[in-house]
Amino acid sequence: MARPPIALKIVLGREKGDCAVACLATYTGKTYEEALRATMAVVPNYDGACGLHVPEIRAIARALGRPLRKKRTVDTDDDSGIMVLSDHVTILSKGTVIDTDGTVWDADDFLQAYDYAPWELLY
């Protein structure tokens, strides 16, 4: 199983619907531009205004050299990866959420503040 990086360089989102691009850049250690180029190669009509679906995120991660597995149940205290929510993705790192706006949260506080429940984890 691939181990998440020890240190993450946080890449912020730039558009309304680019949370997956920013998370992919952060999780794979790539720049925003590298993640965006890979996104455009996999999803040619991507414009940053609409989000990406999990199969697209996984295909982009493969293109970036970091295939992602999918886990249906998320343990917010112990898991690390890209946490998929109903209309958003964030980085989850063992109890901490790093959102694409640059905010860092306790995972439970983040989920409660935005009334989210994790759908799955990409790791």
N, C-alpha and C. Protein backbone atom coordinates (compact mmCIF):
# COMPACT_ATOMS: atom_id res chain seq x y z
N MET A 1 0.84 -1.18 0.00
CA MET A 1 0.00 0.00 0.00
C MET A 1 0.88 1.24 0.00
N ALA A 2 0.56 2.21 -0.84
CA ALA A 2 1.33 3.45 -0.92
C ALA A 2 1.15 4.24 0.37
N ARG A 3 2.24 4.73 0.87
CA ARG A 3 2.22 5.53 2.09
C ARG A 3 2.11 7.00 1.72
N PRO A 4 1.24 7.77 2.40
CA PRO A 4 1.15 9.19 2.08
C PRO A 4 2.47 9.89 2.41
N PRO A 5 2.73 11.00 1.76
CA PRO A 5 3.97 11.72 2.05
C PRO A 5 4.04 12.12 3.51
N ILE A 6 5.25 12.19 4.03
CA ILE A 6 5.44 12.60 5.43
C ILE A 6 5.08 14.07 5.58
N ALA A 7 5.48 14.89 4.63
CA ALA A 7 5.15 16.31 4.65
C ALA A 7 4.35 16.64 3.40
N LEU A 8 3.34 17.45 3.56
CA LEU A 8 2.53 17.87 2.43
C LEU A 8 2.80 19.34 2.15
N LYS A 9 3.04 19.66 0.89
CA LYS A 9 3.09 21.05 0.47
C LYS A 9 1.69 21.40 0.03
N ILE A 10 1.03 22.26 0.77
CA ILE A 10 -0.37 22.57 0.52
C ILE A 10 -0.51 23.43 -0.72
N VAL A 11 -1.33 22.96 -1.64
CA VAL A 11 -1.64 23.68 -2.87
C VAL A 11 -3.07 24.18 -2.76
N LEU A 12 -3.25 25.47 -2.90
CA LEU A 12 -4.58 26.06 -2.76
C LEU A 12 -5.36 25.99 -4.07
N GLY A 13 -6.68 25.95 -3.93
CA GLY A 13 -7.54 26.02 -5.10
C GLY A 13 -7.55 27.43 -5.65
N ARG A 14 -7.89 27.53 -6.93
CA ARG A 14 -7.91 28.85 -7.60
C ARG A 14 -9.26 29.17 -8.22
N GLU A 15 -10.08 28.18 -8.41
CA GLU A 15 -11.38 28.35 -9.05
C GLU A 15 -12.46 27.77 -8.15
N LYS A 16 -13.72 28.06 -8.48
CA LYS A 16 -14.84 27.56 -7.68
C LYS A 16 -14.88 26.04 -7.61
N GLY A 17 -14.60 25.36 -8.70
CA GLY A 17 -14.76 23.91 -8.73
C GLY A 17 -13.47 23.14 -8.90
N ASP A 18 -12.36 23.68 -8.40
CA ASP A 18 -11.07 23.00 -8.63
C ASP A 18 -10.50 22.32 -7.39
N CYS A 19 -11.36 21.97 -6.44
CA CYS A 19 -10.86 21.35 -5.21
C CYS A 19 -10.11 20.05 -5.50
N ALA A 20 -10.57 19.28 -6.49
CA ALA A 20 -9.89 18.02 -6.81
C ALA A 20 -8.50 18.28 -7.39
N VAL A 21 -8.37 19.29 -8.23
CA VAL A 21 -7.06 19.63 -8.81
C VAL A 21 -6.09 20.01 -7.69
N ALA A 22 -6.54 20.86 -6.78
CA ALA A 22 -5.69 21.29 -5.67
C ALA A 22 -5.33 20.10 -4.77
N CYS A 23 -6.30 19.24 -4.47
CA CYS A 23 -6.02 18.07 -3.63
C CYS A 23 -5.07 17.10 -4.32
N LEU A 24 -5.25 16.89 -5.61
CA LEU A 24 -4.35 16.01 -6.34
C LEU A 24 -2.93 16.57 -6.33
N ALA A 25 -2.79 17.87 -6.51
CA ALA A 25 -1.46 18.48 -6.46
C ALA A 25 -0.84 18.30 -5.08
N THR A 26 -1.61 18.57 -4.05
CA THR A 26 -1.10 18.43 -2.68
C THR A 26 -0.73 16.99 -2.39
N TYR A 27 -1.61 16.06 -2.69
CA TYR A 27 -1.40 14.66 -2.31
C TYR A 27 -0.28 13.99 -3.11
N THR A 28 -0.11 14.41 -4.36
CA THR A 28 0.92 13.79 -5.20
C THR A 28 2.25 14.53 -5.15
N GLY A 29 2.28 15.70 -4.51
CA GLY A 29 3.52 16.47 -4.45
C GLY A 29 3.81 17.22 -5.74
N LYS A 30 2.81 17.41 -6.56
CA LYS A 30 2.96 18.14 -7.82
C LYS A 30 2.53 19.59 -7.65
N THR A 31 2.82 20.40 -8.64
CA THR A 31 2.34 21.78 -8.62
C THR A 31 0.89 21.82 -9.11
N TYR A 32 0.23 22.93 -8.86
CA TYR A 32 -1.12 23.12 -9.37
C TYR A 32 -1.13 22.97 -10.89
N GLU A 33 -0.14 23.58 -11.53
CA GLU A 33 -0.07 23.56 -12.99
C GLU A 33 0.10 22.14 -13.53
N GLU A 34 0.92 21.34 -12.86
CA GLU A 34 1.09 19.94 -13.29
C GLU A 34 -0.22 19.16 -13.13
N ALA A 35 -0.89 19.37 -12.01
CA ALA A 35 -2.16 18.69 -11.78
C ALA A 35 -3.22 19.16 -12.78
N LEU A 36 -3.22 20.44 -13.10
CA LEU A 36 -4.19 20.97 -14.06
C LEU A 36 -3.91 20.43 -15.46
N ARG A 37 -2.65 20.34 -15.86
CA ARG A 37 -2.33 19.76 -17.17
C ARG A 37 -2.79 18.31 -17.26
N ALA A 38 -2.56 17.54 -16.20
CA ALA A 38 -3.01 16.15 -16.18
C ALA A 38 -4.54 16.09 -16.24
N THR A 39 -5.19 17.00 -15.54
CA THR A 39 -6.66 17.06 -15.55
C THR A 39 -7.16 17.33 -16.96
N MET A 40 -6.55 18.30 -17.65
CA MET A 40 -6.97 18.64 -19.01
C MET A 40 -6.71 17.49 -19.99
N ALA A 41 -5.68 16.70 -19.72
CA ALA A 41 -5.40 15.55 -20.58
C ALA A 41 -6.45 14.45 -20.41
N VAL A 42 -6.94 14.29 -19.18
CA VAL A 42 -7.93 13.25 -18.89
C VAL A 42 -9.36 13.74 -19.15
N VAL A 43 -9.62 14.99 -18.81
CA VAL A 43 -10.96 15.58 -18.96
C VAL A 43 -10.81 16.85 -19.81
N PRO A 44 -10.75 16.71 -21.13
CA PRO A 44 -10.43 17.85 -22.00
C PRO A 44 -11.36 19.05 -21.87
N ASN A 45 -12.62 18.85 -21.49
CA ASN A 45 -13.57 19.96 -21.37
C ASN A 45 -13.60 20.57 -19.96
N TYR A 46 -12.67 20.19 -19.09
CA TYR A 46 -12.65 20.72 -17.72
C TYR A 46 -12.39 22.22 -17.76
N ASP A 47 -13.20 22.98 -17.01
CA ASP A 47 -13.04 24.44 -17.02
C ASP A 47 -12.84 25.05 -15.64
N GLY A 48 -12.77 24.23 -14.60
CA GLY A 48 -12.55 24.75 -13.25
C GLY A 48 -13.82 25.18 -12.55
N ALA A 49 -14.92 25.30 -13.28
CA ALA A 49 -16.17 25.75 -12.67
C ALA A 49 -16.95 24.59 -12.08
N CYS A 50 -16.79 23.41 -12.64
CA CYS A 50 -17.48 22.22 -12.15
C CYS A 50 -16.46 21.26 -11.57
N GLY A 51 -16.87 20.53 -10.60
CA GLY A 51 -15.97 19.57 -9.97
C GLY A 51 -15.72 18.35 -10.83
N LEU A 52 -14.97 17.43 -10.28
CA LEU A 52 -14.63 16.18 -10.95
C LEU A 52 -15.25 15.02 -10.20
N HIS A 53 -15.52 13.94 -10.91
CA HIS A 53 -16.06 12.73 -10.31
C HIS A 53 -14.90 11.81 -9.91
N VAL A 54 -15.17 10.90 -9.01
CA VAL A 54 -14.14 10.01 -8.48
C VAL A 54 -13.40 9.24 -9.58
N PRO A 55 -14.07 8.67 -10.57
CA PRO A 55 -13.30 7.97 -11.61
C PRO A 55 -12.32 8.91 -12.34
N GLU A 56 -12.73 10.15 -12.55
CA GLU A 56 -11.85 11.13 -13.18
C GLU A 56 -10.67 11.46 -12.27
N ILE A 57 -10.93 11.65 -10.98
CA ILE A 57 -9.86 11.95 -10.02
C ILE A 57 -8.85 10.81 -10.01
N ARG A 58 -9.34 9.59 -10.00
CA ARG A 58 -8.42 8.44 -9.99
C ARG A 58 -7.62 8.34 -11.29
N ALA A 59 -8.25 8.62 -12.42
CA ALA A 59 -7.53 8.59 -13.70
C ALA A 59 -6.46 9.69 -13.74
N ILE A 60 -6.76 10.85 -13.22
CA ILE A 60 -5.79 11.95 -13.18
C ILE A 60 -4.63 11.57 -12.26
N ALA A 61 -4.93 10.98 -11.12
CA ALA A 61 -3.87 10.54 -10.20
C ALA A 61 -2.95 9.53 -10.89
N ARG A 62 -3.53 8.60 -11.64
CA ARG A 62 -2.71 7.65 -12.40
C ARG A 62 -1.81 8.38 -13.39
N ALA A 63 -2.37 9.37 -14.07
CA ALA A 63 -1.58 10.16 -15.03
C ALA A 63 -0.45 10.91 -14.34
N LEU A 64 -0.66 11.27 -13.08
CA LEU A 64 0.38 11.96 -12.29
C LEU A 64 1.36 10.98 -11.66
N GLY A 65 1.17 9.69 -11.90
CA GLY A 65 2.09 8.68 -11.37
C GLY A 65 1.78 8.22 -9.95
N ARG A 66 0.59 8.50 -9.48
CA ARG A 66 0.20 8.12 -8.12
C ARG A 66 -1.20 7.50 -8.11
N PRO A 67 -1.32 6.24 -8.56
CA PRO A 67 -2.64 5.60 -8.55
C PRO A 67 -3.25 5.63 -7.15
N LEU A 68 -4.54 5.83 -7.10
CA LEU A 68 -5.25 5.91 -5.83
C LEU A 68 -6.20 4.74 -5.67
N ARG A 69 -6.19 4.17 -4.48
CA ARG A 69 -7.19 3.16 -4.13
C ARG A 69 -8.38 3.87 -3.53
N LYS A 70 -9.49 3.15 -3.48
CA LYS A 70 -10.72 3.71 -2.93
C LYS A 70 -11.12 2.92 -1.70
N LYS A 71 -11.47 3.62 -0.64
CA LYS A 71 -11.93 3.00 0.60
C LYS A 71 -13.30 3.60 0.93
N ARG A 72 -14.29 2.75 1.10
CA ARG A 72 -15.67 3.22 1.31
C ARG A 72 -15.93 3.78 2.71
N THR A 73 -15.28 3.21 3.72
CA THR A 73 -15.48 3.73 5.07
C THR A 73 -14.25 4.55 5.45
N VAL A 74 -14.50 5.69 6.05
CA VAL A 74 -13.42 6.62 6.39
C VAL A 74 -13.31 6.72 7.90
N ASP A 75 -12.12 6.46 8.42
CA ASP A 75 -11.82 6.68 9.83
C ASP A 75 -11.08 8.01 9.90
N THR A 76 -11.79 9.05 10.26
CA THR A 76 -11.20 10.39 10.21
C THR A 76 -10.04 10.56 11.18
N ASP A 77 -9.95 9.71 12.20
CA ASP A 77 -8.85 9.82 13.15
C ASP A 77 -7.57 9.15 12.65
N ASP A 78 -7.70 8.09 11.85
CA ASP A 78 -6.53 7.30 11.46
C ASP A 78 -6.19 7.33 9.98
N ASP A 79 -7.15 7.66 9.12
CA ASP A 79 -6.91 7.60 7.68
C ASP A 79 -6.24 8.86 7.15
N SER A 80 -5.57 8.70 6.03
CA SER A 80 -4.97 9.82 5.30
C SER A 80 -5.22 9.62 3.82
N GLY A 81 -5.54 10.70 3.14
CA GLY A 81 -5.78 10.64 1.70
C GLY A 81 -6.65 11.80 1.27
N ILE A 82 -7.29 11.62 0.13
CA ILE A 82 -8.24 12.61 -0.37
C ILE A 82 -9.63 12.16 0.07
N MET A 83 -10.25 12.95 0.93
CA MET A 83 -11.57 12.61 1.45
C MET A 83 -12.64 13.16 0.52
N VAL A 84 -13.49 12.26 0.05
CA VAL A 84 -14.57 12.62 -0.87
C VAL A 84 -15.82 12.89 -0.05
N LEU A 85 -16.41 14.06 -0.29
CA LEU A 85 -17.65 14.48 0.36
C LEU A 85 -18.73 14.61 -0.71
N SER A 86 -19.91 15.03 -0.35
CA SER A 86 -21.01 15.08 -1.32
C SER A 86 -20.71 15.99 -2.51
N ASP A 87 -20.10 17.13 -2.28
CA ASP A 87 -19.83 18.08 -3.37
C ASP A 87 -18.46 18.73 -3.24
N HIS A 88 -17.53 18.03 -2.61
CA HIS A 88 -16.22 18.63 -2.32
C HIS A 88 -15.23 17.52 -2.02
N VAL A 89 -13.94 17.81 -2.17
CA VAL A 89 -12.89 16.92 -1.69
C VAL A 89 -11.89 17.75 -0.90
N THR A 90 -11.29 17.11 0.09
CA THR A 90 -10.27 17.75 0.92
C THR A 90 -9.16 16.73 1.17
N ILE A 91 -8.09 17.21 1.75
CA ILE A 91 -7.05 16.32 2.24
C ILE A 91 -7.38 15.95 3.67
N LEU A 92 -7.35 14.67 3.98
CA LEU A 92 -7.50 14.18 5.35
C LEU A 92 -6.17 13.58 5.76
N SER A 93 -5.66 13.99 6.89
CA SER A 93 -4.40 13.45 7.40
C SER A 93 -4.54 13.17 8.89
N LYS A 94 -4.91 11.93 9.18
CA LYS A 94 -4.99 11.44 10.57
C LYS A 94 -5.62 12.44 11.53
N GLY A 95 -6.88 12.75 11.28
CA GLY A 95 -7.63 13.61 12.19
C GLY A 95 -7.62 15.08 11.82
N THR A 96 -6.89 15.45 10.79
CA THR A 96 -6.81 16.85 10.37
C THR A 96 -7.28 16.97 8.93
N VAL A 97 -8.12 17.96 8.68
CA VAL A 97 -8.56 18.27 7.32
C VAL A 97 -7.82 19.50 6.85
N ILE A 98 -7.25 19.41 5.66
CA ILE A 98 -6.63 20.55 5.01
C ILE A 98 -7.51 20.88 3.82
N ASP A 99 -8.22 22.00 3.93
CA ASP A 99 -9.16 22.36 2.87
C ASP A 99 -8.43 23.15 1.79
N THR A 100 -9.02 23.19 0.62
CA THR A 100 -8.36 23.82 -0.52
C THR A 100 -8.37 25.35 -0.45
N ASP A 101 -9.03 25.91 0.56
CA ASP A 101 -8.95 27.36 0.77
C ASP A 101 -7.82 27.72 1.73
N GLY A 102 -7.07 26.71 2.15
CA GLY A 102 -5.93 26.94 3.03
C GLY A 102 -6.22 26.79 4.51
N THR A 103 -7.46 26.52 4.87
CA THR A 103 -7.78 26.35 6.27
C THR A 103 -7.45 24.93 6.72
N VAL A 104 -7.05 24.81 7.97
CA VAL A 104 -6.71 23.53 8.57
C VAL A 104 -7.66 23.31 9.74
N TRP A 105 -8.31 22.16 9.75
CA TRP A 105 -9.37 21.87 10.70
C TRP A 105 -9.12 20.55 11.42
N ASP A 106 -9.66 20.42 12.61
CA ASP A 106 -9.89 19.12 13.20
C ASP A 106 -10.97 18.47 12.32
N ALA A 107 -10.79 17.21 11.96
CA ALA A 107 -11.71 16.58 11.00
C ALA A 107 -13.16 16.61 11.48
N ASP A 108 -13.39 16.28 12.75
CA ASP A 108 -14.76 16.26 13.25
C ASP A 108 -15.38 17.65 13.22
N ASP A 109 -14.60 18.67 13.56
CA ASP A 109 -15.10 20.05 13.53
C ASP A 109 -15.46 20.47 12.11
N PHE A 110 -14.62 20.10 11.14
CA PHE A 110 -14.88 20.44 9.73
C PHE A 110 -16.19 19.80 9.28
N LEU A 111 -16.33 18.51 9.54
CA LEU A 111 -17.53 17.81 9.10
C LEU A 111 -18.78 18.39 9.74
N GLN A 112 -18.69 18.75 11.01
CA GLN A 112 -19.84 19.34 11.69
C GLN A 112 -20.13 20.75 11.18
N ALA A 113 -19.11 21.56 10.98
CA ALA A 113 -19.31 22.94 10.53
C ALA A 113 -20.00 23.02 9.17
N TYR A 114 -19.69 22.08 8.29
CA TYR A 114 -20.26 22.10 6.95
C TYR A 114 -21.35 21.04 6.74
N ASP A 115 -21.71 20.35 7.82
CA ASP A 115 -22.73 19.32 7.77
C ASP A 115 -22.43 18.27 6.69
N TYR A 116 -21.18 17.81 6.67
CA TYR A 116 -20.73 16.79 5.73
C TYR A 116 -20.61 15.44 6.44
N ALA A 117 -20.70 14.40 5.66
CA ALA A 117 -20.32 13.05 6.09
C ALA A 117 -19.39 12.52 5.01
N PRO A 118 -18.29 11.90 5.37
CA PRO A 118 -17.38 11.38 4.35
C PRO A 118 -18.06 10.30 3.51
N TRP A 119 -17.86 10.37 2.20
CA TRP A 119 -18.39 9.34 1.30
C TRP A 119 -17.39 8.23 1.13
N GLU A 120 -16.14 8.61 0.89
CA GLU A 120 -15.07 7.62 0.71
C GLU A 120 -13.73 8.32 0.78
N LEU A 121 -12.68 7.50 0.78
CA LEU A 121 -11.33 8.01 0.85
C LEU A 121 -10.54 7.47 -0.34
N LEU A 122 -9.79 8.34 -0.98
CA LEU A 122 -8.87 7.96 -2.03
C LEU A 122 -7.48 8.06 -1.44
N TYR A 123 -6.73 6.96 -1.50
CA TYR A 123 -5.42 6.95 -0.86
C TYR A 123 -4.40 6.20 -1.69
